[in-house]
């Protein structure tokens, strides 16, 4: 993640990645044809964060990478639970590396 140019300076990893926007930027960096970052808006509320992640789960992860995050995993990321964002990003990166 440190090698990817992001639009927002990271202060708190869990909080910064909780709305899915920076995750969308990371995916765009590695696979520019499978995601449109304009579909994801910065959010503070858990409900809006969840909407971003559900959209990404359906439009990108399932369709192009062949896997989905569970509802529990999405809730963990949206709630900024310790290690949840890192786990989600690791799963996404693994699928990208596999060339899914």
PDB file of N, CA and C in Angstrom:
ATOM      1  N   UNK A   1       0.830  -1.193   0.000  1.00  0.00           N
ATOM      2  CA  UNK A   1       0.000   0.000   0.000  1.00  0.00           C
ATOM      3  C   UNK A   1       0.871   1.252   0.000  1.00  0.00           C
ATOM      4  N   UNK A   2       2.013   1.190   0.643  1.00  0.00           N
ATOM      5  CA  UNK A   2       2.876   2.365   0.713  1.00  0.00           C
ATOM      6  C   UNK A   2       3.400   2.779  -0.661  1.00  0.00           C
ATOM      7  N   UNK A   3       3.428   1.861  -1.615  1.00  0.00           N
ATOM      8  CA  UNK A   3       3.948   2.157  -2.950  1.00  0.00           C
ATOM      9  C   UNK A   3       2.876   2.718  -3.885  1.00  0.00           C
ATOM     10  N   UNK A   4       1.625   2.702  -3.448  1.00  0.00           N
ATOM     11  CA  UNK A   4       0.518   3.180  -4.270  1.00  0.00           C
ATOM     12  C   UNK A   4       0.264   4.652  -3.967  1.00  0.00           C
ATOM     13  N   UNK A   5       0.231   5.498  -5.017  1.00  0.00           N
ATOM     14  CA  UNK A   5      -0.086   6.915  -4.773  1.00  0.00           C
ATOM     15  C   UNK A   5      -1.568   7.079  -4.430  1.00  0.00           C
ATOM     16  N   UNK A   6      -1.830   7.524  -3.219  1.00  0.00           N
ATOM     17  CA  UNK A   6      -3.206   7.685  -2.747  1.00  0.00           C
ATOM     18  C   UNK A   6      -3.559   9.162  -2.653  1.00  0.00           C
ATOM     19  N   UNK A   7      -4.845   9.475  -2.779  1.00  0.00           N
ATOM     20  CA  UNK A   7      -5.282  10.871  -2.744  1.00  0.00           C
ATOM     21  C   UNK A   7      -5.357  11.431  -1.333  1.00  0.00           C
ATOM     22  N   UNK A   8      -5.319  10.581  -0.344  1.00  0.00           N
ATOM     23  CA  UNK A   8      -5.479  11.003   1.049  1.00  0.00           C
ATOM     24  C   UNK A   8      -4.273  10.526   1.856  1.00  0.00           C
ATOM     25  N   UNK A   9      -3.735  11.387   2.686  1.00  0.00           N
ATOM     26  CA  UNK A   9      -2.632  11.023   3.559  1.00  0.00           C
ATOM     27  C   UNK A   9      -3.166  10.106   4.652  1.00  0.00           C
ATOM     28  N   UNK A  10      -2.479   8.999   4.870  1.00  0.00           N
ATOM     29  CA  UNK A  10      -2.927   8.044   5.883  1.00  0.00           C
ATOM     30  C   UNK A  10      -2.566   8.540   7.279  1.00  0.00           C
ATOM     31  N   UNK A  11      -3.579   8.581   8.126  1.00  0.00           N
ATOM     32  CA  UNK A  11      -3.364   8.941   9.524  1.00  0.00           C
ATOM     33  C   UNK A  11      -3.620   7.733  10.405  1.00  0.00           C
ATOM     34  N   UNK A  12      -4.773   7.135  10.207  1.00  0.00           N
ATOM     35  CA  UNK A  12      -5.163   5.926  10.923  1.00  0.00           C
ATOM     36  C   UNK A  12      -5.562   4.905   9.868  1.00  0.00           C
ATOM     37  N   UNK A  13      -4.764   3.865   9.701  1.00  0.00           N
ATOM     38  CA  UNK A  13      -4.982   2.896   8.629  1.00  0.00           C
ATOM     39  C   UNK A  13      -6.404   2.355   8.640  1.00  0.00           C
ATOM     40  N   UNK A  14      -6.864   1.904   9.783  1.00  0.00           N
ATOM     41  CA  UNK A  14      -8.196   1.306   9.879  1.00  0.00           C
ATOM     42  C   UNK A  14      -9.277   2.310   9.496  1.00  0.00           C
ATOM     43  N   UNK A  15      -9.185   3.514  10.004  1.00  0.00           N
ATOM     44  CA  UNK A  15     -10.186   4.535   9.713  1.00  0.00           C
ATOM     45  C   UNK A  15     -10.114   4.998   8.260  1.00  0.00           C
ATOM     46  N   UNK A  16      -8.905   5.186   7.737  1.00  0.00           N
ATOM     47  CA  UNK A  16      -8.739   5.680   6.376  1.00  0.00           C
ATOM     48  C   UNK A  16      -9.243   4.690   5.331  1.00  0.00           C
ATOM     49  N   UNK A  17      -9.133   3.406   5.603  1.00  0.00           N
ATOM     50  CA  UNK A  17      -9.573   2.391   4.654  1.00  0.00           C
ATOM     51  C   UNK A  17     -10.990   1.894   4.925  1.00  0.00           C
ATOM     52  N   UNK A  18     -11.625   2.395   5.976  1.00  0.00           N
ATOM     53  CA  UNK A  18     -12.930   1.864   6.374  1.00  0.00           C
ATOM     54  C   UNK A  18     -14.057   2.176   5.407  1.00  0.00           C
ATOM     55  N   UNK A  19     -13.934   3.256   4.617  1.00  0.00           N
ATOM     56  CA  UNK A  19     -15.033   3.588   3.702  1.00  0.00           C
ATOM     57  C   UNK A  19     -14.863   2.992   2.309  1.00  0.00           C
ATOM     58  N   UNK A  20     -13.761   2.316   2.061  1.00  0.00           N
ATOM     59  CA  UNK A  20     -13.552   1.647   0.783  1.00  0.00           C
ATOM     60  C   UNK A  20     -12.929   2.512  -0.297  1.00  0.00           C
ATOM     61  N   UNK A  21     -12.871   3.815  -0.097  1.00  0.00           N
ATOM     62  CA  UNK A  21     -12.341   4.706  -1.128  1.00  0.00           C
ATOM     63  C   UNK A  21     -10.870   4.449  -1.426  1.00  0.00           C
ATOM     64  N   UNK A  22     -10.063   4.360  -0.402  1.00  0.00           N
ATOM     65  CA  UNK A  22      -8.640   4.103  -0.634  1.00  0.00           C
ATOM     66  C   UNK A  22      -8.407   2.689  -1.152  1.00  0.00           C
ATOM     67  N   UNK A  23      -9.251   1.763  -0.740  1.00  0.00           N
ATOM     68  CA  UNK A  23      -9.156   0.405  -1.274  1.00  0.00           C
ATOM     69  C   UNK A  23      -9.437   0.428  -2.773  1.00  0.00           C
ATOM     70  N   UNK A  24     -10.420   1.210  -3.189  1.00  0.00           N
ATOM     71  CA  UNK A  24     -10.726   1.361  -4.612  1.00  0.00           C
ATOM     72  C   UNK A  24      -9.523   1.935  -5.362  1.00  0.00           C
ATOM     73  N   UNK A  25      -8.828   2.888  -4.750  1.00  0.00           N
ATOM     74  CA  UNK A  25      -7.638   3.462  -5.373  1.00  0.00           C
ATOM     75  C   UNK A  25      -6.523   2.426  -5.508  1.00  0.00           C
ATOM     76  N   UNK A  26      -6.367   1.591  -4.501  1.00  0.00           N
ATOM     77  CA  UNK A  26      -5.345   0.535  -4.556  1.00  0.00           C
ATOM     78  C   UNK A  26      -5.664  -0.436  -5.692  1.00  0.00           C
ATOM     79  N   UNK A  27      -6.928  -0.855  -5.777  1.00  0.00           N
ATOM     80  CA  UNK A  27      -7.329  -1.764  -6.852  1.00  0.00           C
ATOM     81  C   UNK A  27      -7.111  -1.090  -8.204  1.00  0.00           C
ATOM     82  N   UNK A  28      -7.480   0.172  -8.323  1.00  0.00           N
ATOM     83  CA  UNK A  28      -7.303   0.925  -9.572  1.00  0.00           C
ATOM     84  C   UNK A  28      -5.835   0.966  -9.983  1.00  0.00           C
ATOM     85  N   UNK A  29      -4.946   1.082  -9.010  1.00  0.00           N
ATOM     86  CA  UNK A  29      -3.513   1.127  -9.298  1.00  0.00           C
ATOM     87  C   UNK A  29      -3.035  -0.178  -9.931  1.00  0.00           C
ATOM     88  N   UNK A  30      -3.495  -1.299  -9.401  1.00  0.00           N
ATOM     89  CA  UNK A  30      -3.036  -2.610  -9.873  1.00  0.00           C
ATOM     90  C   UNK A  30      -3.859  -3.162 -11.039  1.00  0.00           C
ATOM     91  N   UNK A  31      -5.126  -2.783 -11.129  1.00  0.00           N
ATOM     92  CA  UNK A  31      -6.013  -3.290 -12.178  1.00  0.00           C
ATOM     93  C   UNK A  31      -6.955  -2.166 -12.617  1.00  0.00           C
ATOM     94  N   UNK A  32      -6.442  -1.216 -13.384  1.00  0.00           N
ATOM     95  CA  UNK A  32      -7.226  -0.024 -13.709  1.00  0.00           C
ATOM     96  C   UNK A  32      -8.520  -0.268 -14.489  1.00  0.00           C
ATOM     97  N   UNK A  33      -8.618  -1.378 -15.164  1.00  0.00           N
ATOM     98  CA  UNK A  33      -9.803  -1.621 -15.992  1.00  0.00           C
ATOM     99  C   UNK A  33     -10.992  -2.214 -15.246  1.00  0.00           C
ATOM    100  N   UNK A  34     -10.812  -2.627 -13.990  1.00  0.00           N
ATOM    101  CA  UNK A  34     -11.904  -3.341 -13.318  1.00  0.00           C
ATOM    102  C   UNK A  34     -12.685  -2.494 -12.311  1.00  0.00           C
ATOM    103  N   UNK A  35     -12.261  -1.255 -12.092  1.00  0.00           N
ATOM    104  CA  UNK A  35     -12.944  -0.450 -11.071  1.00  0.00           C
ATOM    105  C   UNK A  35     -12.997   1.015 -11.490  1.00  0.00           C
ATOM    106  N   UNK A  36     -14.092   1.661 -11.143  1.00  0.00           N
ATOM    107  CA  UNK A  36     -14.255   3.101 -11.331  1.00  0.00           C
ATOM    108  C   UNK A  36     -14.306   3.734  -9.943  1.00  0.00           C
ATOM    109  N   UNK A  37     -13.284   4.480  -9.604  1.00  0.00           N
ATOM    110  CA  UNK A  37     -13.215   5.034  -8.250  1.00  0.00           C
ATOM    111  C   UNK A  37     -14.310   6.056  -7.972  1.00  0.00           C
ATOM    112  N   UNK A  38     -14.915   6.623  -9.009  1.00  0.00           N
ATOM    113  CA  UNK A  38     -15.980   7.599  -8.775  1.00  0.00           C
ATOM    114  C   UNK A  38     -17.237   6.952  -8.174  1.00  0.00           C
ATOM    115  N   UNK A  39     -17.313   5.632  -8.169  1.00  0.00           N
ATOM    116  CA  UNK A  39     -18.454   4.937  -7.551  1.00  0.00           C
ATOM    117  C   UNK A  39     -18.378   4.923  -6.027  1.00  0.00           C
ATOM    118  N   UNK A  40     -17.257   5.364  -5.468  1.00  0.00           N
ATOM    119  CA  UNK A  40     -17.031   5.272  -4.031  1.00  0.00           C
ATOM    120  C   UNK A  40     -16.785   6.663  -3.466  1.00  0.00           C
ATOM    121  N   UNK A  41     -17.633   7.065  -2.520  1.00  0.00           N
ATOM    122  CA  UNK A  41     -17.510   8.395  -1.934  1.00  0.00           C
ATOM    123  C   UNK A  41     -17.056   8.285  -0.483  1.00  0.00           C
ATOM    124  N   UNK A  42     -16.275   9.266  -0.068  1.00  0.00           N
ATOM    125  CA  UNK A  42     -15.813   9.273   1.312  1.00  0.00           C
ATOM    126  C   UNK A  42     -17.014   9.293   2.247  1.00  0.00           C
ATOM    127  N   UNK A  43     -16.900   8.545   3.334  1.00  0.00           N
ATOM    128  CA  UNK A  43     -18.037   8.426   4.245  1.00  0.00           C
ATOM    129  C   UNK A  43     -17.573   8.392   5.693  1.00  0.00           C
ATOM    130  N   UNK A  44     -18.410   8.928   6.555  1.00  0.00           N
ATOM    131  CA  UNK A  44     -18.160   8.869   7.987  1.00  0.00           C
ATOM    132  C   UNK A  44     -19.112   7.895   8.669  1.00  0.00           C
ATOM    133  N   UNK A  45     -20.312   7.787   8.156  1.00  0.00           N
ATOM    134  CA  UNK A  45     -21.288   6.897   8.789  1.00  0.00           C
ATOM    135  C   UNK A  45     -21.022   5.445   8.385  1.00  0.00           C
ATOM    136  N   UNK A  46     -21.265   4.550   9.301  1.00  0.00           N
ATOM    137  CA  UNK A  46     -21.067   3.128   9.032  1.00  0.00           C
ATOM    138  C   UNK A  46     -21.995   2.672   7.900  1.00  0.00           C
ATOM    139  N   UNK A  47     -23.198   3.227   7.842  1.00  0.00           N
ATOM    140  CA  UNK A  47     -24.149   2.843   6.792  1.00  0.00           C
ATOM    141  C   UNK A  47     -23.607   3.178   5.404  1.00  0.00           C
ATOM    142  N   UNK A  48     -23.051   4.354   5.242  1.00  0.00           N
ATOM    143  CA  UNK A  48     -22.502   4.762   3.934  1.00  0.00           C
ATOM    144  C   UNK A  48     -21.237   3.967   3.603  1.00  0.00           C
ATOM    145  N   UNK A  49     -20.416   3.723   4.609  1.00  0.00           N
ATOM    146  CA  UNK A  49     -19.225   2.895   4.393  1.00  0.00           C
ATOM    147  C   UNK A  49     -19.642   1.515   3.905  1.00  0.00           C
ATOM    148  N   UNK A  50     -20.669   0.971   4.550  1.00  0.00           N
ATOM    149  CA  UNK A  50     -21.182  -0.349   4.176  1.00  0.00           C
ATOM    150  C   UNK A  50     -21.651  -0.341   2.718  1.00  0.00           C
ATOM    151  N   UNK A  51     -22.340   0.712   2.305  1.00  0.00           N
ATOM    152  CA  UNK A  51     -22.803   0.812   0.915  1.00  0.00           C
ATOM    153  C   UNK A  51     -21.630   0.748  -0.060  1.00  0.00           C
ATOM    154  N   UNK A  52     -20.559   1.474   0.251  1.00  0.00           N
ATOM    155  CA  UNK A  52     -19.366   1.437  -0.604  1.00  0.00           C
ATOM    156  C   UNK A  52     -18.813   0.021  -0.711  1.00  0.00           C
ATOM    157  N   UNK A  53     -18.698  -0.654   0.421  1.00  0.00           N
ATOM    158  CA  UNK A  53     -18.117  -1.999   0.428  1.00  0.00           C
ATOM    159  C   UNK A  53     -19.015  -3.023  -0.260  1.00  0.00           C
ATOM    160  N   UNK A  54     -20.322  -2.889  -0.073  1.00  0.00           N
ATOM    161  CA  UNK A  54     -21.254  -3.802  -0.743  1.00  0.00           C
ATOM    162  C   UNK A  54     -21.167  -3.604  -2.251  1.00  0.00           C
ATOM    163  N   UNK A  55     -21.068  -2.356  -2.684  1.00  0.00           N
ATOM    164  CA  UNK A  55     -20.900  -2.061  -4.106  1.00  0.00           C
ATOM    165  C   UNK A  55     -19.617  -2.681  -4.637  1.00  0.00           C
ATOM    166  N   UNK A  56     -18.524  -2.486  -3.919  1.00  0.00           N
ATOM    167  CA  UNK A  56     -17.240  -3.045  -4.347  1.00  0.00           C
ATOM    168  C   UNK A  56     -17.284  -4.572  -4.352  1.00  0.00           C
ATOM    169  N   UNK A  57     -17.918  -5.145  -3.359  1.00  0.00           N
ATOM    170  CA  UNK A  57     -18.032  -6.595  -3.256  1.00  0.00           C
ATOM    171  C   UNK A  57     -18.719  -7.158  -4.499  1.00  0.00           C
ATOM    172  N   UNK A  58     -19.813  -6.505  -4.898  1.00  0.00           N
ATOM    173  CA  UNK A  58     -20.607  -6.995  -6.027  1.00  0.00           C
ATOM    174  C   UNK A  58     -19.979  -6.657  -7.379  1.00  0.00           C
ATOM    175  N   UNK A  59     -19.579  -5.397  -7.567  1.00  0.00           N
ATOM    176  CA  UNK A  59     -19.116  -4.940  -8.874  1.00  0.00           C
ATOM    177  C   UNK A  59     -17.679  -5.308  -9.196  1.00  0.00           C
ATOM    178  N   UNK A  60     -16.861  -5.527  -8.180  1.00  0.00           N
ATOM    179  CA  UNK A  60     -15.440  -5.760  -8.442  1.00  0.00           C
ATOM    180  C   UNK A  60     -14.961  -7.097  -7.891  1.00  0.00           C
ATOM    181  N   UNK A  61     -15.104  -7.293  -6.598  1.00  0.00           N
ATOM    182  CA  UNK A  61     -14.528  -8.488  -5.987  1.00  0.00           C
ATOM    183  C   UNK A  61     -15.149  -9.762  -6.540  1.00  0.00           C
ATOM    184  N   UNK A  62     -16.468  -9.819  -6.582  1.00  0.00           N
ATOM    185  CA  UNK A  62     -17.150 -11.020  -7.066  1.00  0.00           C
ATOM    186  C   UNK A  62     -16.981 -11.170  -8.575  1.00  0.00           C
ATOM    187  N   UNK A  63     -17.233 -10.106  -9.306  1.00  0.00           N
ATOM    188  CA  UNK A  63     -17.244 -10.167 -10.765  1.00  0.00           C
ATOM    189  C   UNK A  63     -15.860 -10.378 -11.368  1.00  0.00           C
ATOM    190  N   UNK A  64     -14.865  -9.652 -10.877  1.00  0.00           N
ATOM    191  CA  UNK A  64     -13.545  -9.692 -11.502  1.00  0.00           C
ATOM    192  C   UNK A  64     -12.500 -10.493 -10.745  1.00  0.00           C
ATOM    193  N   UNK A  65     -12.630 -10.561  -9.436  1.00  0.00           N
ATOM    194  CA  UNK A  65     -11.606 -11.252  -8.651  1.00  0.00           C
ATOM    195  C   UNK A  65     -12.058 -12.618  -8.152  1.00  0.00           C
ATOM    196  N   UNK A  66     -13.320 -12.937  -8.345  1.00  0.00           N
ATOM    197  CA  UNK A  66     -13.804 -14.276  -8.040  1.00  0.00           C
ATOM    198  C   UNK A  66     -13.938 -14.619  -6.565  1.00  0.00           C
ATOM    199  N   UNK A  67     -14.123 -13.624  -5.725  1.00  0.00           N
ATOM    200  CA  UNK A  67     -14.362 -13.876  -4.297  1.00  0.00           C
ATOM    201  C   UNK A  67     -15.148 -12.707  -3.723  1.00  0.00           C
ATOM    202  N   UNK A  68     -15.667 -12.907  -2.549  1.00  0.00           N
ATOM    203  CA  UNK A  68     -16.402 -11.847  -1.861  1.00  0.00           C
ATOM    204  C   UNK A  68     -15.963 -11.782  -0.403  1.00  0.00           C
ATOM    205  N   UNK A  69     -16.042 -10.597   0.142  1.00  0.00           N
ATOM    206  CA  UNK A  69     -15.879 -10.454   1.585  1.00  0.00           C
ATOM    207  C   UNK A  69     -17.219 -10.796   2.219  1.00  0.00           C
ATOM    208  N   UNK A  70     -17.184 -11.438   3.363  1.00  0.00           N
ATOM    209  CA  UNK A  70     -18.427 -11.769   4.058  1.00  0.00           C
ATOM    210  C   UNK A  70     -19.021 -10.509   4.686  1.00  0.00           C
ATOM    211  N   UNK A  71     -20.291 -10.588   5.060  1.00  0.00           N
ATOM    212  CA  UNK A  71     -20.937  -9.455   5.738  1.00  0.00           C
ATOM    213  C   UNK A  71     -20.182  -9.113   7.017  1.00  0.00           C
ATOM    214  N   UNK A  72     -19.731 -10.131   7.722  1.00  0.00           N
ATOM    215  CA  UNK A  72     -18.985  -9.905   8.967  1.00  0.00           C
ATOM    216  C   UNK A  72     -17.666  -9.191   8.696  1.00  0.00           C
ATOM    217  N   UNK A  73     -16.988  -9.569   7.618  1.00  0.00           N
ATOM    218  CA  UNK A  73     -15.724  -8.901   7.268  1.00  0.00           C
ATOM    219  C   UNK A  73     -15.969  -7.443   6.895  1.00  0.00           C
ATOM    220  N   UNK A  74     -17.026  -7.199   6.137  1.00  0.00           N
ATOM    221  CA  UNK A  74     -17.361  -5.822   5.762  1.00  0.00           C
ATOM    222  C   UNK A  74     -17.687  -4.999   7.006  1.00  0.00           C
ATOM    223  N   UNK A  75     -18.480  -5.553   7.904  1.00  0.00           N
ATOM    224  CA  UNK A  75     -18.819  -4.844   9.145  1.00  0.00           C
ATOM    225  C   UNK A  75     -17.569  -4.531   9.965  1.00  0.00           C
ATOM    226  N   UNK A  76     -16.645  -5.474  10.008  1.00  0.00           N
ATOM    227  CA  UNK A  76     -15.401  -5.272  10.759  1.00  0.00           C
ATOM    228  C   UNK A  76     -14.589  -4.128  10.183  1.00  0.00           C
ATOM    229  N   UNK A  77     -14.488  -4.080   8.849  1.00  0.00           N
ATOM    230  CA  UNK A  77     -13.735  -3.000   8.206  1.00  0.00           C
ATOM    231  C   UNK A  77     -14.441  -1.665   8.446  1.00  0.00           C
ATOM    232  N   UNK A  78     -15.748  -1.622   8.245  1.00  0.00           N
ATOM    233  CA  UNK A  78     -16.512  -0.380   8.418  1.00  0.00           C
ATOM    234  C   UNK A  78     -16.461   0.143   9.853  1.00  0.00           C
ATOM    235  N   UNK A  79     -16.355  -0.765  10.799  1.00  0.00           N
ATOM    236  CA  UNK A  79     -16.308  -0.396  12.216  1.00  0.00           C
ATOM    237  C   UNK A  79     -14.888  -0.150  12.708  1.00  0.00           C
ATOM    238  N   UNK A  80     -13.938  -0.190  11.794  1.00  0.00           N
ATOM    239  CA  UNK A  80     -12.520   0.072  12.109  1.00  0.00           C
ATOM    240  C   UNK A  80     -11.950  -0.917  13.121  1.00  0.00           C
ATOM    241  N   UNK A  81     -12.402  -2.156  13.077  1.00  0.00           N
ATOM    242  CA  UNK A  81     -11.857  -3.159  13.992  1.00  0.00           C
ATOM    243  C   UNK A  81     -10.403  -3.433  13.651  1.00  0.00           C
ATOM    244  N   UNK A  82      -9.646  -3.659  14.671  1.00  0.00           N
ATOM    245  CA  UNK A  82      -8.203  -3.861  14.535  1.00  0.00           C
ATOM    246  C   UNK A  82      -7.896  -5.022  13.580  1.00  0.00           C
ATOM    247  N   UNK A  83      -7.083  -4.735  12.568  1.00  0.00           N
ATOM    248  CA  UNK A  83      -6.625  -5.754  11.629  1.00  0.00           C
ATOM    249  C   UNK A  83      -7.596  -6.088  10.510  1.00  0.00           C
ATOM    250  N   UNK A  84      -8.821  -5.575  10.565  1.00  0.00           N
ATOM    251  CA  UNK A  84      -9.832  -5.930   9.559  1.00  0.00           C
ATOM    252  C   UNK A  84      -9.485  -5.378   8.176  1.00  0.00           C
ATOM    253  N   UNK A  85      -9.074  -4.126   8.103  1.00  0.00           N
ATOM    254  CA  UNK A  85      -8.731  -3.525   6.813  1.00  0.00           C
ATOM    255  C   UNK A  85      -7.518  -4.221   6.211  1.00  0.00           C
ATOM    256  N   UNK A  86      -6.538  -4.514   7.035  1.00  0.00           N
ATOM    257  CA  UNK A  86      -5.340  -5.198   6.558  1.00  0.00           C
ATOM    258  C   UNK A  86      -5.676  -6.572   5.994  1.00  0.00           C
ATOM    259  N   UNK A  87      -6.572  -7.284   6.689  1.00  0.00           N
ATOM    260  CA  UNK A  87      -6.976  -8.616   6.241  1.00  0.00           C
ATOM    261  C   UNK A  87      -7.704  -8.529   4.897  1.00  0.00           C
ATOM    262  N   UNK A  88      -8.607  -7.566   4.759  1.00  0.00           N
ATOM    263  CA  UNK A  88      -9.345  -7.396   3.505  1.00  0.00           C
ATOM    264  C   UNK A  88      -8.399  -7.028   2.363  1.00  0.00           C
ATOM    265  N   UNK A  89      -7.490  -6.097   2.617  1.00  0.00           N
ATOM    266  CA  UNK A  89      -6.534  -5.700   1.584  1.00  0.00           C
ATOM    267  C   UNK A  89      -5.618  -6.849   1.193  1.00  0.00           C
ATOM    268  N   UNK A  90      -5.215  -7.657   2.155  1.00  0.00           N
ATOM    269  CA  UNK A  90      -4.360  -8.808   1.859  1.00  0.00           C
ATOM    270  C   UNK A  90      -5.092  -9.797   0.957  1.00  0.00           C
ATOM    271  N   UNK A  91      -6.366 -10.035   1.224  1.00  0.00           N
ATOM    272  CA  UNK A  91      -7.154 -10.951   0.391  1.00  0.00           C
ATOM    273  C   UNK A  91      -7.295 -10.399  -1.025  1.00  0.00           C
ATOM    274  N   UNK A  92      -7.539  -9.105  -1.143  1.00  0.00           N
ATOM    275  CA  UNK A  92      -7.666  -8.474  -2.459  1.00  0.00           C
ATOM    276  C   UNK A  92      -6.344  -8.550  -3.209  1.00  0.00           C
ATOM    277  N   UNK A  93      -5.269  -8.226  -2.530  1.00  0.00           N
ATOM    278  CA  UNK A  93      -3.935  -8.259  -3.166  1.00  0.00           C
ATOM    279  C   UNK A  93      -3.584  -9.664  -3.619  1.00  0.00           C
ATOM    280  N   UNK A  94      -3.913 -10.638  -2.816  1.00  0.00           N
ATOM    281  CA  UNK A  94      -3.644 -12.042  -3.166  1.00  0.00           C
ATOM    282  C   UNK A  94      -4.355 -12.399  -4.472  1.00  0.00           C
ATOM    283  N   UNK A  95      -5.622 -12.010  -4.594  1.00  0.00           N
ATOM    284  CA  UNK A  95      -6.388 -12.288  -5.813  1.00  0.00           C
ATOM    285  C   UNK A  95      -5.838 -11.523  -7.006  1.00  0.00           C
ATOM    286  N   UNK A  96      -5.425 -10.296  -6.795  1.00  0.00           N
ATOM    287  CA  UNK A  96      -4.822  -9.526  -7.881  1.00  0.00           C
ATOM    288  C   UNK A  96      -3.525 -10.175  -8.344  1.00  0.00           C
ATOM    289  N   UNK A  97      -2.717 -10.642  -7.401  1.00  0.00           N
ATOM    290  CA  UNK A  97      -1.448 -11.291  -7.737  1.00  0.00           C
ATOM    291  C   UNK A  97      -1.652 -12.599  -8.487  1.00  0.00           C
ATOM    292  N   UNK A  98      -2.775 -13.272  -8.187  1.00  0.00           N
ATOM    293  CA  UNK A  98      -3.090 -14.523  -8.856  1.00  0.00           C
ATOM    294  C   UNK A  98      -3.579 -14.287 -10.278  1.00  0.00           C
ATOM    295  N   UNK A  99      -3.850 -13.023 -10.590  1.00  0.00           N
ATOM    296  CA  UNK A  99      -4.329 -12.684 -11.917  1.00  0.00           C
ATOM    297  C   UNK A  99      -5.766 -13.020 -12.166  1.00  0.00           C
ATOM    298  N   UNK A 100      -6.552 -12.994 -11.108  1.00  0.00           N
ATOM    299  CA  UNK A 100      -7.988 -13.342 -11.217  1.00  0.00           C
ATOM    300  C   UNK A 100      -8.706 -12.401 -12.146  1.00  0.00           C
TER     301      UNK A 100
END
